[in-house]
Every structure is written in C-alpha cells, then in structure tokens.
Amino acid sequence: MKISVVHPFYNHNEAIPEHINNWNSWSPENKRNTEIIIVDDGSPDKINLSLFKEAKGLDIKVFQVLEDIKWNVTGARNLGITQATGEWLFPLDFDMSVLDITFDGFFKENPSKDTTYWPRLWFPSQHKPERMRHPHCNSFFIHKDAMLESGLYDEDFSGAWGWEDIFIHNFVFPKMGLKRKEMDHGYIRWYKRFVCRTQQGEVVPKNPKDQTIDNYKRMIQKGKLVNNGTYKNGPILRFEWKRIL
C-alpha cells in the first residue's frame, strides 16, 4: 500500500530542513511505501531544490506552478493529487509534518476506501503527546479514487484565505457517503514558527472568522449549491505548471 503525502509550498525554504530531519527519521518500510509531493505555488522565493540532497532513501517529487495566483492553494493541492501515484493520499500544509508512528497507526486501521482517517494535531511547544488536539482540516488519509470522485478542491475558492478545505470535508465528503474516523494512534506536528503568508507578504488573519473573508466564502458556497444541495464544482488546474525535481 503506497501513500502520497501532498504538500503545497509558498516561500517556505526555511522549513525544508525540518521536514528532511523528520522524513529521514521514518522507518525504511515507511520510506518505501511513501512518496512526497511538493507543489511550489508560484512563490517568488523559488524552492531551493539543493536542500533535498540531504534526504535519504526518499521518493520526492517537486512541481512548480508557473504563475503567482493569489491564494491558489486549492490549485496547488489539486496538482499534487493528480500527479500522485499512491493508492492513498495525505494532504498536508507545509508548516506541518507527519510522523513515522502516524503511518504505523494508519496501517493498523485496516483502511477502507469509504472512510477518511484523521490523526490528531500536536503543538510540541504547548502540549504533551498525550494531550493532543482535534484533527486539522487539511490533514487526513483518503483513498485517491474517493478524492478524484469528489471533484478535488474547488479552484473557484482561490483568491482568499481559508475555508475551502472545511467545505470539502464538511459538505462534499458526507454527500458522497464517506465516513470519518479519528485515529487512535499517530499525530501530525505543527511548526508554529513557520508562519503562513499571503502573496502580498502579509501574515494570514489571526481571526479566521474575519468578516470579509467569511462573506466571500459564503457567497461562493451559496452559488455552488444547486438542485437541492447538489454541489457544482469548477474546472481544475487552470494554470501552467512543470515538474522540477
């Protein structure tokens, strides 16, 4: 069983060594069963490919969006997912990492295609592993066939920060009949110091309930719910891209 970890990337070169240290700590078996896909979402500070020379025994693929589209994380995720060769996907923001024991916990679940699996989130500076928080909306195992059937992330949500991920797993996945299971073993780690930034270099809003963004997202969602709640998705990969590693 092969897993594709899909990371969108934007001006995060300082986080790469942390990820490599984590990836190198994975067991040989988990390295063999995992590919790492990184999508540089048109960041001005191009991804430093030379850093990946420190990765040992890992299957790493890097793709690049050739234009800097404002908040195109939906498109970056979709590009990574369509290029993934794994039977299972694990989408993950680049300020987070998946630990070796999380793969072990996933395999213990005897995973089923009709279920998504959610490890819990751990803030190393704030919580002991036994006091982890609820799962994060961008971090879950899903069968690739199920993700493709969902229509992937809707790229009409590009242009403003947040909520497209919450929408897909709170509305789209349940409409498909996908079950949700929170995992008993394994977790993801958040690197708080690697702050997520916009294309304008601004830190994302501290309050995700910011009214302007919230209303923008609600407008998009309302326009896409047709025929008694049937979801209307848009086309994907609306940009030029290439593989660079």
Protein backbone atom coordinates (compact mmCIF):
# COMPACT_ATOMS: atom_id res chain seq x y z
CA MET A 1 0.00 0.00 0.00
CA LYS A 2 1.56 3.29 -1.13
CA ILE A 3 0.83 6.72 0.39
CA SER A 4 1.37 10.08 -1.31
CA VAL A 5 1.98 12.98 1.09
CA VAL A 6 0.97 16.15 -0.78
CA HIS A 7 2.44 19.47 0.39
CA PRO A 8 1.59 22.89 -1.09
CA PHE A 9 4.59 25.21 -0.76
CA TYR A 10 4.88 29.02 -0.76
CA ASN A 11 8.05 30.83 0.35
CA HIS A 12 8.85 28.14 2.93
CA ASN A 13 12.51 27.30 2.25
CA GLU A 14 13.35 27.71 5.94
CA ALA A 15 11.02 24.79 6.75
CA ILE A 16 12.66 22.30 4.37
CA PRO A 17 15.49 21.20 6.74
CA GLU A 18 12.93 20.48 9.49
CA HIS A 19 10.95 18.30 7.11
CA ILE A 20 14.04 16.47 5.92
CA ASN A 21 15.04 15.69 9.51
CA ASN A 22 11.58 14.26 10.09
CA TRP A 23 11.49 12.30 6.82
CA ASN A 24 14.92 10.82 7.48
CA SER A 25 13.62 9.51 10.82
CA TRP A 26 10.96 7.36 9.13
CA SER A 27 11.48 3.61 9.13
CA PRO A 28 12.87 2.03 5.93
CA GLU A 29 9.50 0.36 5.35
CA ASN A 30 7.55 3.61 5.61
CA LYS A 31 10.03 5.34 3.30
CA ARG A 32 9.48 2.60 0.71
CA ASN A 33 5.71 2.91 1.00
CA THR A 34 5.58 6.71 0.76
CA GLU A 35 6.17 9.36 -1.88
CA ILE A 36 6.45 13.04 -1.00
CA ILE A 37 4.95 15.51 -3.46
CA ILE A 38 5.65 19.22 -3.06
CA VAL A 39 3.98 21.88 -5.20
CA ASP A 40 5.62 25.31 -5.30
CA ASP A 41 2.61 27.57 -5.76
CA GLY A 42 4.40 30.20 -7.84
CA SER A 43 6.34 31.62 -4.88
CA PRO A 44 8.76 34.50 -5.64
CA ASP A 45 11.39 32.86 -3.41
CA LYS A 46 11.77 29.78 -5.57
CA ILE A 47 12.01 26.47 -3.78
CA ASN A 48 15.63 25.54 -3.02
CA LEU A 49 15.99 22.12 -4.62
CA SER A 50 19.56 21.68 -3.41
CA LEU A 51 18.29 21.22 0.16
CA PHE A 52 16.69 17.91 -0.78
CA LYS A 53 20.12 16.32 -1.27
CA GLU A 54 20.09 15.72 2.49
CA ALA A 55 17.03 13.46 2.20
CA LYS A 56 17.98 9.78 2.49
CA GLY A 57 16.12 6.97 0.74
CA LEU A 58 13.06 9.10 -0.05
CA ASP A 59 10.90 9.40 -3.16
CA ILE A 60 10.48 13.18 -3.52
CA LYS A 61 8.80 14.90 -6.47
CA VAL A 62 8.58 18.69 -6.81
CA PHE A 63 6.26 20.57 -9.15
CA GLN A 64 6.00 24.29 -9.82
CA VAL A 65 3.03 26.48 -10.73
CA LEU A 66 4.39 28.94 -13.30
CA GLU A 67 2.34 31.95 -12.21
CA ASP A 68 1.77 33.57 -8.82
CA ILE A 69 -2.01 33.24 -8.44
CA LYS A 70 -3.38 34.81 -5.27
CA TRP A 71 -4.23 32.14 -2.67
CA ASN A 72 -4.06 29.30 -5.15
CA VAL A 73 -3.60 26.61 -2.50
CA THR A 74 -6.60 24.73 -3.93
CA GLY A 75 -4.89 24.51 -7.32
CA ALA A 76 -1.56 23.53 -5.74
CA ARG A 77 -3.22 20.70 -3.83
CA ASN A 78 -5.03 19.53 -6.96
CA LEU A 79 -1.81 19.45 -8.97
CA GLY A 80 -0.12 17.33 -6.32
CA ILE A 81 -3.08 14.97 -6.08
CA THR A 82 -3.35 14.43 -9.84
CA GLN A 83 0.37 13.62 -10.06
CA ALA A 84 0.34 11.28 -7.06
CA THR A 85 0.98 7.60 -7.70
CA GLY A 86 -0.08 6.38 -4.25
CA GLU A 87 -3.24 4.42 -3.58
CA TRP A 88 -3.83 6.69 -0.55
CA LEU A 89 -3.32 10.43 -0.22
CA PHE A 90 -2.33 12.53 2.77
CA PRO A 91 -2.76 16.30 2.08
CA LEU A 92 -0.69 18.40 4.48
CA ASP A 93 0.23 22.09 4.83
CA PHE A 94 3.97 22.79 4.73
CA ASP A 95 4.05 24.13 8.28
CA MET A 96 3.07 20.64 9.48
CA SER A 97 4.74 17.25 9.35
CA VAL A 98 3.53 13.68 9.59
CA LEU A 99 5.47 11.46 11.98
CA ASP A 100 6.58 7.90 11.43
CA ILE A 101 4.19 6.48 14.02
CA THR A 102 1.26 8.03 12.13
CA PHE A 103 1.83 5.70 9.18
CA ASP A 104 2.02 2.76 11.56
CA GLY A 105 -1.26 3.86 13.14
CA PHE A 106 -2.90 4.20 9.72
CA PHE A 107 -1.92 0.68 8.64
CA LYS A 108 -3.34 -0.67 11.92
CA GLU A 109 -6.72 0.77 10.94
CA ASN A 110 -7.03 -1.77 8.10
CA PRO A 111 -8.16 1.20 5.97
CA SER A 112 -11.28 1.11 3.83
CA LYS A 113 -11.90 3.14 0.68
CA ASP A 114 -15.20 4.51 2.03
CA THR A 115 -13.56 6.15 5.08
CA THR A 116 -11.25 9.10 5.71
CA TYR A 117 -8.75 8.79 8.58
CA TRP A 118 -7.74 11.75 10.73
CA PRO A 119 -4.69 11.87 13.02
CA ARG A 120 -4.68 14.44 15.81
CA LEU A 121 -2.69 17.66 15.87
CA TRP A 122 0.20 18.17 18.27
CA PHE A 123 1.73 21.53 19.19
CA PRO A 124 5.15 20.50 20.61
CA SER A 125 5.64 23.79 22.45
CA GLN A 126 2.20 23.64 24.10
CA HIS A 127 1.10 20.06 24.58
CA LYS A 128 2.47 16.71 25.58
CA PRO A 129 1.76 13.97 23.01
CA GLU A 130 -0.90 12.50 25.30
CA ARG A 131 -2.70 15.87 25.31
CA MET A 132 -3.10 16.37 21.59
CA ARG A 133 -5.76 18.49 19.94
CA HIS A 134 -8.51 17.62 17.50
CA PRO A 135 -7.54 16.76 13.88
CA HIS A 136 -6.66 19.54 11.48
CA CYS A 137 -8.91 20.20 8.48
CA ASN A 138 -6.03 19.82 5.97
CA SER A 139 -4.53 16.59 7.32
CA PHE A 140 -6.20 13.26 6.63
CA PHE A 141 -5.79 9.98 4.77
CA ILE A 142 -8.15 9.47 1.84
CA HIS A 143 -8.18 6.90 -0.96
CA LYS A 144 -7.17 8.52 -4.23
CA ASP A 145 -10.21 7.15 -6.06
CA ALA A 146 -12.50 8.77 -3.49
CA MET A 147 -10.67 12.09 -3.76
CA LEU A 148 -10.94 12.07 -7.55
CA GLU A 149 -14.63 11.19 -7.30
CA SER A 150 -15.15 14.27 -5.10
CA GLY A 151 -14.01 16.54 -7.92
CA LEU A 152 -10.95 17.61 -5.88
CA TYR A 153 -10.59 21.02 -4.24
CA ASP A 154 -12.68 23.68 -5.96
CA GLU A 155 -10.38 26.26 -7.54
CA ASP A 156 -13.12 28.87 -7.56
CA PHE A 157 -12.11 29.30 -3.91
CA SER A 158 -8.75 30.72 -4.98
CA GLY A 159 -8.34 34.39 -4.20
CA ALA A 160 -8.97 34.45 -0.45
CA TRP A 161 -7.64 32.58 2.54
CA GLY A 162 -9.33 29.60 4.15
CA TRP A 163 -12.50 27.53 4.32
CA GLU A 164 -12.29 25.59 1.04
CA ASP A 165 -10.86 22.65 2.99
CA ILE A 166 -13.56 22.81 5.65
CA PHE A 167 -16.20 22.93 2.92
CA ILE A 168 -14.98 19.82 1.12
CA HIS A 169 -14.88 17.59 4.20
CA ASN A 170 -17.95 19.06 5.94
CA PHE A 171 -20.19 19.05 2.87
CA VAL A 172 -18.74 17.24 -0.16
CA PHE A 173 -17.41 14.13 1.60
CA PRO A 174 -20.61 13.47 3.60
CA LYS A 175 -22.70 13.89 0.42
CA MET A 176 -20.55 11.15 -1.10
CA GLY A 177 -21.23 8.89 1.87
CA LEU A 178 -17.62 8.93 3.07
CA LYS A 179 -17.20 8.04 6.73
CA ARG A 180 -14.82 9.87 9.05
CA LYS A 181 -12.65 8.16 11.65
CA GLU A 182 -10.33 9.86 14.12
CA MET A 183 -7.22 7.74 14.53
CA ASP A 184 -6.24 6.27 17.88
CA HIS A 185 -2.52 6.22 17.06
CA GLY A 186 -0.31 8.78 15.36
CA TYR A 187 -0.39 12.54 15.01
CA ILE A 188 0.89 15.47 12.98
CA ARG A 189 3.20 18.15 14.32
CA TRP A 190 2.74 21.86 13.72
CA TYR A 191 5.77 24.10 13.30
CA LYS A 192 4.33 27.31 14.70
CA ARG A 193 7.32 29.46 13.76
CA PHE A 194 6.83 28.83 10.05
CA VAL A 195 4.00 31.31 9.66
CA CYS A 196 1.82 31.08 6.58
CA ARG A 197 1.89 34.22 4.44
CA THR A 198 -0.12 35.65 1.57
CA GLN A 199 1.29 36.53 -1.83
CA GLN A 200 1.41 40.11 -0.55
CA GLY A 201 3.75 39.04 2.27
CA GLU A 202 1.14 39.65 4.95
CA VAL A 203 0.57 37.22 7.79
CA VAL A 204 -2.78 35.49 7.43
CA PRO A 205 -5.60 36.92 9.57
CA LYS A 206 -5.28 35.90 13.21
CA ASN A 207 -9.04 35.53 13.35
CA PRO A 208 -10.23 33.06 10.69
CA LYS A 209 -13.74 34.44 11.17
CA ASP A 210 -12.67 37.71 9.55
CA GLN A 211 -15.95 39.05 8.16
CA THR A 212 -14.72 39.94 4.67
CA ILE A 213 -13.22 36.51 4.05
CA ASP A 214 -16.16 34.74 5.67
CA ASN A 215 -18.70 36.54 3.48
CA TYR A 216 -16.60 35.93 0.36
CA LYS A 217 -16.56 32.20 1.03
CA ARG A 218 -20.26 32.07 1.85
CA MET A 219 -21.05 33.76 -1.47
CA ILE A 220 -19.06 31.13 -3.37
CA GLN A 221 -20.66 28.26 -1.47
CA LYS A 222 -24.19 29.56 -1.95
CA GLY A 223 -23.67 29.86 -5.70
CA LYS A 224 -22.45 26.29 -5.93
CA LEU A 225 -25.28 24.58 -4.08
CA VAL A 226 -27.87 23.83 -6.75
CA ASN A 227 -30.67 21.31 -7.26
CA ASN A 228 -31.47 20.75 -3.59
CA GLY A 229 -27.91 20.84 -2.40
CA THR A 230 -26.08 19.19 -5.29
CA TYR A 231 -22.58 20.63 -5.40
CA LYS A 232 -21.30 22.21 -8.61
CA ASN A 233 -17.52 22.08 -8.90
CA GLY A 234 -15.39 24.07 -11.35
CA PRO A 235 -12.55 23.01 -13.68
CA ILE A 236 -9.16 22.19 -12.16
CA LEU A 237 -5.54 23.08 -12.96
CA ARG A 238 -6.27 26.46 -14.53
CA PHE A 239 -2.58 27.33 -14.86
CA GLU A 240 0.68 26.26 -16.46
CA TRP A 241 2.99 24.03 -14.43
CA LYS A 242 6.02 21.79 -14.72
CA ARG A 243 7.92 19.19 -12.74
CA ILE A 244 11.27 20.49 -11.44
CA LEU A 245 12.51 17.50 -9.39
